[in-house]
Amino acid sequence: MSMLIFTLLSVVHFLQVTPIRVKQEAFTLPTIGYRLTGTQLKIKQTQSTFFCANECVRMEECLAYNYKHENGTCQLMPTADLSKAEPDDEFQIIRKKVK
């Protein structure tokens, strides 16, 4: 029983501390003062845009994210189409580069 608990704790620990490396060239420069509208895949608070990018990389369907520096709001989006953006001085849009 204790071996099972140790194994489970090891797996949990591994999952929590293993970051995905996000390369800067994987994303576009931010479109400042706009945010994408529509259905959001996920909304969460993150410490920085880097952590938001990390969340986006983990989801294949995430093509861009809206980020608000003031409070760390991270909105993962299924579209990177800037025609679906609206002005919002508090946000910026960062899009995945298509390979």
PDB file of N, CA and C in Angstrom:
ATOM      1  N   MET A   1       0.821  -1.193   0.000  1.00  0.00           N
ATOM      2  CA  MET A   1       0.000   0.000   0.000  1.00  0.00           C
ATOM      3  C   MET A   1       0.865   1.257   0.000  1.00  0.00           C
ATOM      4  N   SER A   2       1.908   1.281   0.841  1.00  0.00           N
ATOM      5  CA  SER A   2       2.763   2.463   0.902  1.00  0.00           C
ATOM      6  C   SER A   2       3.522   2.662  -0.408  1.00  0.00           C
ATOM      7  N   MET A   3       3.856   1.565  -1.097  1.00  0.00           N
ATOM      8  CA  MET A   3       4.537   1.683  -2.392  1.00  0.00           C
ATOM      9  C   MET A   3       3.604   2.332  -3.418  1.00  0.00           C
ATOM     10  N   LEU A   4       2.329   1.989  -3.385  1.00  0.00           N
ATOM     11  CA  LEU A   4       1.345   2.566  -4.299  1.00  0.00           C
ATOM     12  C   LEU A   4       1.209   4.067  -4.037  1.00  0.00           C
ATOM     13  N   ILE A   5       1.138   4.449  -2.788  1.00  0.00           N
ATOM     14  CA  ILE A   5       1.030   5.867  -2.433  1.00  0.00           C
ATOM     15  C   ILE A   5       2.280   6.614  -2.886  1.00  0.00           C
ATOM     16  N   PHE A   6       3.452   6.024  -2.652  1.00  0.00           N
ATOM     17  CA  PHE A   6       4.705   6.650  -3.086  1.00  0.00           C
ATOM     18  C   PHE A   6       4.719   6.823  -4.609  1.00  0.00           C
ATOM     19  N   THR A   7       4.277   5.812  -5.329  1.00  0.00           N
ATOM     20  CA  THR A   7       4.243   5.878  -6.796  1.00  0.00           C
ATOM     21  C   THR A   7       3.296   6.973  -7.255  1.00  0.00           C
ATOM     22  N   LEU A   8       2.120   7.048  -6.653  1.00  0.00           N
ATOM     23  CA  LEU A   8       1.149   8.080  -7.020  1.00  0.00           C
ATOM     24  C   LEU A   8       1.691   9.476  -6.717  1.00  0.00           C
ATOM     25  N   LEU A   9       2.316   9.644  -5.576  1.00  0.00           N
ATOM     26  CA  LEU A   9       2.892  10.943  -5.223  1.00  0.00           C
ATOM     27  C   LEU A   9       4.019  11.315  -6.178  1.00  0.00           C
ATOM     28  N   SER A  10       4.799  10.338  -6.599  1.00  0.00           N
ATOM     29  CA  SER A  10       5.877  10.595  -7.555  1.00  0.00           C
ATOM     30  C   SER A  10       5.324  11.056  -8.891  1.00  0.00           C
ATOM     31  N   VAL A  11       4.254  10.421  -9.340  1.00  0.00           N
ATOM     32  CA  VAL A  11       3.628  10.803 -10.608  1.00  0.00           C
ATOM     33  C   VAL A  11       3.056  12.211 -10.501  1.00  0.00           C
ATOM     34  N   VAL A  12       2.357  12.504  -9.414  1.00  0.00           N
ATOM     35  CA  VAL A  12       1.789  13.832  -9.207  1.00  0.00           C
ATOM     36  C   VAL A  12       2.899  14.875  -9.178  1.00  0.00           C
ATOM     37  N   HIS A  13       3.969  14.597  -8.448  1.00  0.00           N
ATOM     38  CA  HIS A  13       5.090  15.525  -8.367  1.00  0.00           C
ATOM     39  C   HIS A  13       5.697  15.738  -9.751  1.00  0.00           C
ATOM     40  N   PHE A  14       5.898  14.673 -10.514  1.00  0.00           N
ATOM     41  CA  PHE A  14       6.465  14.775 -11.849  1.00  0.00           C
ATOM     42  C   PHE A  14       5.591  15.641 -12.745  1.00  0.00           C
ATOM     43  N   LEU A  15       4.296  15.458 -12.699  1.00  0.00           N
ATOM     44  CA  LEU A  15       3.388  16.220 -13.544  1.00  0.00           C
ATOM     45  C   LEU A  15       3.368  17.695 -13.177  1.00  0.00           C
ATOM     46  N   GLN A  16       3.579  18.016 -11.929  1.00  0.00           N
ATOM     47  CA  GLN A  16       3.518  19.398 -11.482  1.00  0.00           C
ATOM     48  C   GLN A  16       4.787  20.175 -11.800  1.00  0.00           C
ATOM     49  N   VAL A  17       5.923  19.533 -11.850  1.00  0.00           N
ATOM     50  CA  VAL A  17       7.166  20.262 -12.021  1.00  0.00           C
ATOM     51  C   VAL A  17       7.773  20.127 -13.414  1.00  0.00           C
ATOM     52  N   THR A  18       7.140  19.419 -14.306  1.00  0.00           N
ATOM     53  CA  THR A  18       7.680  19.246 -15.637  1.00  0.00           C
ATOM     54  C   THR A  18       7.073  20.277 -16.578  1.00  0.00           C
ATOM     55  N   PRO A  19       7.781  21.379 -16.819  1.00  0.00           N
ATOM     56  CA  PRO A  19       7.232  22.395 -17.718  1.00  0.00           C
ATOM     57  C   PRO A  19       7.439  22.000 -19.174  1.00  0.00           C
ATOM     58  N   ILE A  20       6.596  22.520 -20.019  1.00  0.00           N
ATOM     59  CA  ILE A  20       6.790  22.380 -21.455  1.00  0.00           C
ATOM     60  C   ILE A  20       7.602  23.591 -21.874  1.00  0.00           C
ATOM     61  N   ARG A  21       8.631  23.361 -22.641  1.00  0.00           N
ATOM     62  CA  ARG A  21       9.446  24.490 -23.105  1.00  0.00           C
ATOM     63  C   ARG A  21       8.703  25.207 -24.226  1.00  0.00           C
ATOM     64  N   VAL A  22       8.473  26.481 -24.027  1.00  0.00           N
ATOM     65  CA  VAL A  22       7.797  27.302 -25.018  1.00  0.00           C
ATOM     66  C   VAL A  22       8.854  28.185 -25.669  1.00  0.00           C
ATOM     67  N   LYS A  23       9.041  27.989 -26.948  1.00  0.00           N
ATOM     68  CA  LYS A  23      10.009  28.809 -27.676  1.00  0.00           C
ATOM     69  C   LYS A  23       9.341  30.104 -28.114  1.00  0.00           C
ATOM     70  N   GLN A  24      10.075  31.190 -27.982  1.00  0.00           N
ATOM     71  CA  GLN A  24       9.545  32.501 -28.332  1.00  0.00           C
ATOM     72  C   GLN A  24       9.065  32.530 -29.776  1.00  0.00           C
ATOM     73  N   GLU A  25       9.779  31.844 -30.665  1.00  0.00           N
ATOM     74  CA  GLU A  25       9.393  31.867 -32.072  1.00  0.00           C
ATOM     75  C   GLU A  25       8.146  31.044 -32.367  1.00  0.00           C
ATOM     76  N   ALA A  26       7.585  30.377 -31.383  1.00  0.00           N
ATOM     77  CA  ALA A  26       6.354  29.611 -31.576  1.00  0.00           C
ATOM     78  C   ALA A  26       5.129  30.520 -31.609  1.00  0.00           C
ATOM     79  N   PHE A  27       5.290  31.766 -31.164  1.00  0.00           N
ATOM     80  CA  PHE A  27       4.179  32.710 -31.095  1.00  0.00           C
ATOM     81  C   PHE A  27       4.542  34.011 -31.793  1.00  0.00           C
ATOM     82  N   THR A  28       3.519  34.739 -32.245  1.00  0.00           N
ATOM     83  CA  THR A  28       3.720  36.051 -32.850  1.00  0.00           C
ATOM     84  C   THR A  28       3.996  37.086 -31.764  1.00  0.00           C
ATOM     85  N   LEU A  29       4.440  38.249 -32.189  1.00  0.00           N
ATOM     86  CA  LEU A  29       4.518  39.376 -31.261  1.00  0.00           C
ATOM     87  C   LEU A  29       3.086  39.761 -30.879  1.00  0.00           C
ATOM     88  N   PRO A  30       2.880  40.327 -29.705  1.00  0.00           N
ATOM     89  CA  PRO A  30       1.521  40.649 -29.271  1.00  0.00           C
ATOM     90  C   PRO A  30       0.853  41.737 -30.104  1.00  0.00           C
ATOM     91  N   THR A  31      -0.446  41.581 -30.275  1.00  0.00           N
ATOM     92  CA  THR A  31      -1.285  42.633 -30.845  1.00  0.00           C
ATOM     93  C   THR A  31      -1.892  43.345 -29.640  1.00  0.00           C
ATOM     94  N   ILE A  32      -1.315  44.474 -29.280  1.00  0.00           N
ATOM     95  CA  ILE A  32      -1.668  45.167 -28.045  1.00  0.00           C
ATOM     96  C   ILE A  32      -2.906  46.032 -28.256  1.00  0.00           C
ATOM     97  N   GLY A  33      -3.792  46.006 -27.248  1.00  0.00           N
ATOM     98  CA  GLY A  33      -4.987  46.840 -27.287  1.00  0.00           C
ATOM     99  C   GLY A  33      -6.175  46.177 -27.966  1.00  0.00           C
ATOM    100  N   TYR A  34      -6.080  44.863 -28.166  1.00  0.00           N
ATOM    101  CA  TYR A  34      -7.181  44.097 -28.775  1.00  0.00           C
ATOM    102  C   TYR A  34      -7.342  42.790 -28.027  1.00  0.00           C
ATOM    103  N   ARG A  35      -8.535  42.203 -28.190  1.00  0.00           N
ATOM    104  CA  ARG A  35      -8.754  40.851 -27.673  1.00  0.00           C
ATOM    105  C   ARG A  35      -9.662  40.121 -28.645  1.00  0.00           C
ATOM    106  N   LEU A  36      -9.384  38.819 -28.798  1.00  0.00           N
ATOM    107  CA  LEU A  36     -10.229  37.974 -29.639  1.00  0.00           C
ATOM    108  C   LEU A  36     -11.553  37.728 -28.945  1.00  0.00           C
ATOM    109  N   THR A  37     -12.637  37.726 -29.715  1.00  0.00           N
ATOM    110  CA  THR A  37     -13.960  37.472 -29.159  1.00  0.00           C
ATOM    111  C   THR A  37     -14.394  36.056 -29.525  1.00  0.00           C
ATOM    112  N   GLY A  38     -15.454  35.619 -28.923  1.00  0.00           N
ATOM    113  CA  GLY A  38     -16.001  34.293 -29.220  1.00  0.00           C
ATOM    114  C   GLY A  38     -15.797  33.336 -28.070  1.00  0.00           C
ATOM    115  N   THR A  39     -16.049  32.089 -28.347  1.00  0.00           N
ATOM    116  CA  THR A  39     -15.949  31.037 -27.338  1.00  0.00           C
ATOM    117  C   THR A  39     -14.502  30.852 -26.893  1.00  0.00           C
ATOM    118  N   GLN A  40     -14.319  30.788 -25.598  1.00  0.00           N
ATOM    119  CA  GLN A  40     -12.989  30.575 -25.031  1.00  0.00           C
ATOM    120  C   GLN A  40     -12.852  29.107 -24.645  1.00  0.00           C
ATOM    121  N   LEU A  41     -11.693  28.539 -24.939  1.00  0.00           N
ATOM    122  CA  LEU A  41     -11.428  27.149 -24.566  1.00  0.00           C
ATOM    123  C   LEU A  41     -11.253  27.005 -23.058  1.00  0.00           C
ATOM    124  N   LYS A  42     -10.594  28.009 -22.465  1.00  0.00           N
ATOM    125  CA  LYS A  42     -10.275  27.958 -21.041  1.00  0.00           C
ATOM    126  C   LYS A  42      -9.910  29.365 -20.589  1.00  0.00           C
ATOM    127  N   ILE A  43     -10.284  29.694 -19.365  1.00  0.00           N
ATOM    128  CA  ILE A  43      -9.902  30.972 -18.756  1.00  0.00           C
ATOM    129  C   ILE A  43      -9.217  30.652 -17.435  1.00  0.00           C
ATOM    130  N   LYS A  44      -8.076  31.281 -17.196  1.00  0.00           N
ATOM    131  CA  LYS A  44      -7.410  31.084 -15.908  1.00  0.00           C
ATOM    132  C   LYS A  44      -6.539  32.284 -15.598  1.00  0.00           C
ATOM    133  N   GLN A  45      -6.095  32.378 -14.381  1.00  0.00           N
ATOM    134  CA  GLN A  45      -5.180  33.424 -13.951  1.00  0.00           C
ATOM    135  C   GLN A  45      -3.776  32.823 -14.005  1.00  0.00           C
ATOM    136  N   THR A  46      -2.846  33.534 -14.623  1.00  0.00           N
ATOM    137  CA  THR A  46      -1.463  33.080 -14.684  1.00  0.00           C
ATOM    138  C   THR A  46      -0.542  34.190 -14.209  1.00  0.00           C
ATOM    139  N   GLN A  47       0.693  33.824 -13.896  1.00  0.00           N
ATOM    140  CA  GLN A  47       1.662  34.788 -13.368  1.00  0.00           C
ATOM    141  C   GLN A  47       2.240  35.676 -14.457  1.00  0.00           C
ATOM    142  N   SER A  48       2.214  35.205 -15.700  1.00  0.00           N
ATOM    143  CA  SER A  48       2.778  35.993 -16.796  1.00  0.00           C
ATOM    144  C   SER A  48       2.271  35.446 -18.119  1.00  0.00           C
ATOM    145  N   THR A  49       2.576  36.184 -19.177  1.00  0.00           N
ATOM    146  CA  THR A  49       2.189  35.727 -20.512  1.00  0.00           C
ATOM    147  C   THR A  49       2.895  34.414 -20.868  1.00  0.00           C
ATOM    148  N   PHE A  50       4.102  34.190 -20.316  1.00  0.00           N
ATOM    149  CA  PHE A  50       4.815  32.932 -20.548  1.00  0.00           C
ATOM    150  C   PHE A  50       3.997  31.741 -20.057  1.00  0.00           C
ATOM    151  N   PHE A  51       3.405  31.845 -18.863  1.00  0.00           N
ATOM    152  CA  PHE A  51       2.611  30.746 -18.332  1.00  0.00           C
ATOM    153  C   PHE A  51       1.341  30.547 -19.155  1.00  0.00           C
ATOM    154  N   CYS A  52       0.801  31.630 -19.662  1.00  0.00           N
ATOM    155  CA  CYS A  52      -0.378  31.537 -20.527  1.00  0.00           C
ATOM    156  C   CYS A  52       0.004  30.810 -21.828  1.00  0.00           C
ATOM    157  N   ALA A  53       1.155  31.171 -22.394  1.00  0.00           N
ATOM    158  CA  ALA A  53       1.640  30.497 -23.605  1.00  0.00           C
ATOM    159  C   ALA A  53       1.836  29.010 -23.348  1.00  0.00           C
ATOM    160  N   ASN A  54       2.344  28.688 -22.174  1.00  0.00           N
ATOM    161  CA  ASN A  54       2.548  27.290 -21.790  1.00  0.00           C
ATOM    162  C   ASN A  54       1.222  26.532 -21.785  1.00  0.00           C
ATOM    163  N   GLU A  55       0.176  27.168 -21.276  1.00  0.00           N
ATOM    164  CA  GLU A  55      -1.155  26.547 -21.268  1.00  0.00           C
ATOM    165  C   GLU A  55      -1.659  26.336 -22.705  1.00  0.00           C
ATOM    166  N   CYS A  56      -1.432  27.319 -23.560  1.00  0.00           N
ATOM    167  CA  CYS A  56      -1.886  27.237 -24.947  1.00  0.00           C
ATOM    168  C   CYS A  56      -1.167  26.108 -25.692  1.00  0.00           C
ATOM    169  N   VAL A  57       0.127  25.971 -25.463  1.00  0.00           N
ATOM    170  CA  VAL A  57       0.906  24.916 -26.114  1.00  0.00           C
ATOM    171  C   VAL A  57       0.391  23.529 -25.725  1.00  0.00           C
ATOM    172  N   ARG A  58      -0.089  23.395 -24.519  1.00  0.00           N
ATOM    173  CA  ARG A  58      -0.587  22.098 -24.037  1.00  0.00           C
ATOM    174  C   ARG A  58      -1.908  21.677 -24.686  1.00  0.00           C
ATOM    175  N   MET A  59      -2.601  22.632 -25.311  1.00  0.00           N
ATOM    176  CA  MET A  59      -3.894  22.332 -25.945  1.00  0.00           C
ATOM    177  C   MET A  59      -3.763  22.480 -27.456  1.00  0.00           C
ATOM    178  N   GLU A  60      -3.896  21.400 -28.171  1.00  0.00           N
ATOM    179  CA  GLU A  60      -3.761  21.440 -29.627  1.00  0.00           C
ATOM    180  C   GLU A  60      -4.748  22.404 -30.276  1.00  0.00           C
ATOM    181  N   GLU A  61      -5.962  22.487 -29.727  1.00  0.00           N
ATOM    182  CA  GLU A  61      -6.992  23.342 -30.320  1.00  0.00           C
ATOM    183  C   GLU A  61      -6.809  24.824 -30.001  1.00  0.00           C
ATOM    184  N   CYS A  62      -5.876  25.158 -29.130  1.00  0.00           N
ATOM    185  CA  CYS A  62      -5.593  26.560 -28.815  1.00  0.00           C
ATOM    186  C   CYS A  62      -4.725  27.152 -29.923  1.00  0.00           C
ATOM    187  N   LEU A  63      -5.247  28.171 -30.595  1.00  0.00           N
ATOM    188  CA  LEU A  63      -4.511  28.827 -31.674  1.00  0.00           C
ATOM    189  C   LEU A  63      -4.014  30.216 -31.290  1.00  0.00           C
ATOM    190  N   ALA A  64      -4.534  30.742 -30.186  1.00  0.00           N
ATOM    191  CA  ALA A  64      -4.124  32.068 -29.715  1.00  0.00           C
ATOM    192  C   ALA A  64      -4.606  32.233 -28.280  1.00  0.00           C
ATOM    193  N   TYR A  65      -4.128  33.313 -27.656  1.00  0.00           N
ATOM    194  CA  TYR A  65      -4.660  33.633 -26.336  1.00  0.00           C
ATOM    195  C   TYR A  65      -4.713  35.134 -26.145  1.00  0.00           C
ATOM    196  N   ASN A  66      -5.702  35.544 -25.361  1.00  0.00           N
ATOM    197  CA  ASN A  66      -5.820  36.922 -24.903  1.00  0.00           C
ATOM    198  C   ASN A  66      -5.154  36.973 -23.534  1.00  0.00           C
ATOM    199  N   TYR A  67      -4.377  38.022 -23.287  1.00  0.00           N
ATOM    200  CA  TYR A  67      -3.727  38.139 -21.982  1.00  0.00           C
ATOM    201  C   TYR A  67      -3.889  39.551 -21.441  1.00  0.00           C
ATOM    202  N   LYS A  68      -4.269  39.630 -20.164  1.00  0.00           N
ATOM    203  CA  LYS A  68      -4.439  40.907 -19.470  1.00  0.00           C
ATOM    204  C   LYS A  68      -3.391  40.982 -18.366  1.00  0.00           C
ATOM    205  N   HIS A  69      -2.392  41.864 -18.546  1.00  0.00           N
ATOM    206  CA  HIS A  69      -1.283  41.965 -17.585  1.00  0.00           C
ATOM    207  C   HIS A  69      -1.738  42.393 -16.193  1.00  0.00           C
ATOM    208  N   GLU A  70      -2.737  43.242 -16.124  1.00  0.00           N
ATOM    209  CA  GLU A  70      -3.175  43.810 -14.846  1.00  0.00           C
ATOM    210  C   GLU A  70      -3.472  42.740 -13.795  1.00  0.00           C
ATOM    211  N   ASN A  71      -4.151  41.675 -14.200  1.00  0.00           N
ATOM    212  CA  ASN A  71      -4.511  40.629 -13.227  1.00  0.00           C
ATOM    213  C   ASN A  71      -4.140  39.219 -13.675  1.00  0.00           C
ATOM    214  N   GLY A  72      -3.417  39.092 -14.792  1.00  0.00           N
ATOM    215  CA  GLY A  72      -2.967  37.773 -15.250  1.00  0.00           C
ATOM    216  C   GLY A  72      -4.041  36.938 -15.917  1.00  0.00           C
ATOM    217  N   THR A  73      -5.126  37.568 -16.374  1.00  0.00           N
ATOM    218  CA  THR A  73      -6.180  36.812 -17.038  1.00  0.00           C
ATOM    219  C   THR A  73      -5.658  36.234 -18.347  1.00  0.00           C
ATOM    220  N   CYS A  74      -5.833  34.943 -18.497  1.00  0.00           N
ATOM    221  CA  CYS A  74      -5.391  34.201 -19.672  1.00  0.00           C
ATOM    222  C   CYS A  74      -6.619  33.543 -20.291  1.00  0.00           C
ATOM    223  N   GLN A  75      -6.946  33.927 -21.512  1.00  0.00           N
ATOM    224  CA  GLN A  75      -8.099  33.362 -22.217  1.00  0.00           C
ATOM    225  C   GLN A  75      -7.588  32.592 -23.429  1.00  0.00           C
ATOM    226  N   LEU A  76      -7.664  31.282 -23.370  1.00  0.00           N
ATOM    227  CA  LEU A  76      -7.210  30.443 -24.477  1.00  0.00           C
ATOM    228  C   LEU A  76      -8.300  30.392 -25.534  1.00  0.00           C
ATOM    229  N   MET A  77      -7.908  30.623 -26.789  1.00  0.00           N
ATOM    230  CA  MET A  77      -8.878  30.781 -27.867  1.00  0.00           C
ATOM    231  C   MET A  77      -8.681  29.743 -28.976  1.00  0.00           C
ATOM    232  N   PRO A  78      -9.791  29.294 -29.582  1.00  0.00           N
ATOM    233  CA  PRO A  78      -9.697  28.318 -30.668  1.00  0.00           C
ATOM    234  C   PRO A  78      -9.484  28.969 -32.039  1.00  0.00           C
ATOM    235  N   THR A  79      -9.341  30.279 -32.077  1.00  0.00           N
ATOM    236  CA  THR A  79      -9.125  31.000 -33.330  1.00  0.00           C
ATOM    237  C   THR A  79      -7.992  32.000 -33.168  1.00  0.00           C
ATOM    238  N   ALA A  80      -7.312  32.287 -34.278  1.00  0.00           N
ATOM    239  CA  ALA A  80      -6.291  33.318 -34.298  1.00  0.00           C
ATOM    240  C   ALA A  80      -6.651  34.380 -35.335  1.00  0.00           C
ATOM    241  N   ASP A  81      -7.890  34.369 -35.775  1.00  0.00           N
ATOM    242  CA  ASP A  81      -8.391  35.263 -36.816  1.00  0.00           C
ATOM    243  C   ASP A  81      -8.593  36.668 -36.249  1.00  0.00           C
ATOM    244  N   LEU A  82      -7.739  37.606 -36.674  1.00  0.00           N
ATOM    245  CA  LEU A  82      -7.810  38.965 -36.134  1.00  0.00           C
ATOM    246  C   LEU A  82      -9.061  39.716 -36.568  1.00  0.00           C
ATOM    247  N   SER A  83      -9.794  39.180 -37.563  1.00  0.00           N
ATOM    248  CA  SER A  83     -11.070  39.820 -37.916  1.00  0.00           C
ATOM    249  C   SER A  83     -12.108  39.588 -36.813  1.00  0.00           C
ATOM    250  N   LYS A  84     -11.804  38.676 -35.887  1.00  0.00           N
ATOM    251  CA  LYS A  84     -12.689  38.405 -34.750  1.00  0.00           C
ATOM    252  C   LYS A  84     -12.210  39.131 -33.487  1.00  0.00           C
ATOM    253  N   ALA A  85     -11.359  40.132 -33.677  1.00  0.00           N
ATOM    254  CA  ALA A  85     -10.833  40.893 -32.541  1.00  0.00           C
ATOM    255  C   ALA A  85     -11.584  42.201 -32.398  1.00  0.00           C
ATOM    256  N   GLU A  86     -11.630  42.665 -31.161  1.00  0.00           N
ATOM    257  CA  GLU A  86     -12.225  43.978 -30.900  1.00  0.00           C
ATOM    258  C   GLU A  86     -11.274  44.768 -30.013  1.00  0.00           C
ATOM    259  N   PRO A  87     -11.326  46.104 -30.123  1.00  0.00           N
ATOM    260  CA  PRO A  87     -10.447  46.929 -29.296  1.00  0.00           C
ATOM    261  C   PRO A  87     -10.703  46.714 -27.800  1.00  0.00           C
ATOM    262  N   ASP A  88      -9.650  46.576 -27.040  1.00  0.00           N
ATOM    263  CA  ASP A  88      -9.722  46.457 -25.583  1.00  0.00           C
ATOM    264  C   ASP A  88      -8.343  46.817 -25.041  1.00  0.00           C
ATOM    265  N   ASP A  89      -8.220  48.005 -24.491  1.00  0.00           N
ATOM    266  CA  ASP A  89      -6.923  48.519 -24.040  1.00  0.00           C
ATOM    267  C   ASP A  89      -6.262  47.673 -22.960  1.00  0.00           C
ATOM    268  N   GLU A  90      -7.006  46.827 -22.286  1.00  0.00           N
ATOM    269  CA  GLU A  90      -6.451  46.043 -21.186  1.00  0.00           C
ATOM    270  C   GLU A  90      -5.846  44.716 -21.631  1.00  0.00           C
ATOM    271  N   PHE A  91      -6.081  44.326 -22.880  1.00  0.00           N
ATOM    272  CA  PHE A  91      -5.648  43.012 -23.352  1.00  0.00           C
ATOM    273  C   PHE A  91      -4.634  43.108 -24.479  1.00  0.00           C
ATOM    274  N   GLN A  92      -4.016  41.977 -24.731  1.00  0.00           N
ATOM    275  CA  GLN A  92      -3.208  41.785 -25.930  1.00  0.00           C
ATOM    276  C   GLN A  92      -3.494  40.384 -26.461  1.00  0.00           C
ATOM    277  N   ILE A  93      -3.328  40.206 -27.755  1.00  0.00           N
ATOM    278  CA  ILE A  93      -3.542  38.923 -28.408  1.00  0.00           C
ATOM    279  C   ILE A  93      -2.183  38.372 -28.810  1.00  0.00           C
ATOM    280  N   ILE A  94      -1.939  37.117 -28.487  1.00  0.00           N
ATOM    281  CA  ILE A  94      -0.726  36.432 -28.930  1.00  0.00           C
ATOM    282  C   ILE A  94      -1.184  35.182 -29.671  1.00  0.00           C
ATOM    283  N   ARG A  95      -0.708  35.015 -30.924  1.00  0.00           N
ATOM    284  CA  ARG A  95      -1.144  33.907 -31.774  1.00  0.00           C
ATOM    285  C   ARG A  95      -0.027  32.897 -31.983  1.00  0.00           C
ATOM    286  N   LYS A  96      -0.405  31.612 -32.063  1.00  0.00           N
ATOM    287  CA  LYS A  96       0.550  30.587 -32.430  1.00  0.00           C
ATOM    288  C   LYS A  96       0.931  30.769 -33.890  1.00  0.00           C
ATOM    289  N   LYS A  97       2.183  30.542 -34.197  1.00  0.00           N
ATOM    290  CA  LYS A  97       2.616  30.564 -35.588  1.00  0.00           C
ATOM    291  C   LYS A  97       2.266  29.218 -36.216  1.00  0.00           C
ATOM    292  N   VAL A  98       1.689  29.262 -37.388  1.00  0.00           N
ATOM    293  CA  VAL A  98       1.307  28.036 -38.095  1.00  0.00           C
ATOM    294  C   VAL A  98       2.526  27.519 -38.828  1.00  0.00           C
ATOM    295  N   LYS A  99       2.777  26.217 -38.679  1.00  0.00           N
ATOM    296  CA  LYS A  99       3.934  25.609 -39.336  1.00  0.00           C
ATOM    297  C   LYS A  99       3.586  25.123 -40.716  1.00  0.00           C
TER     298      LYS A  99
END
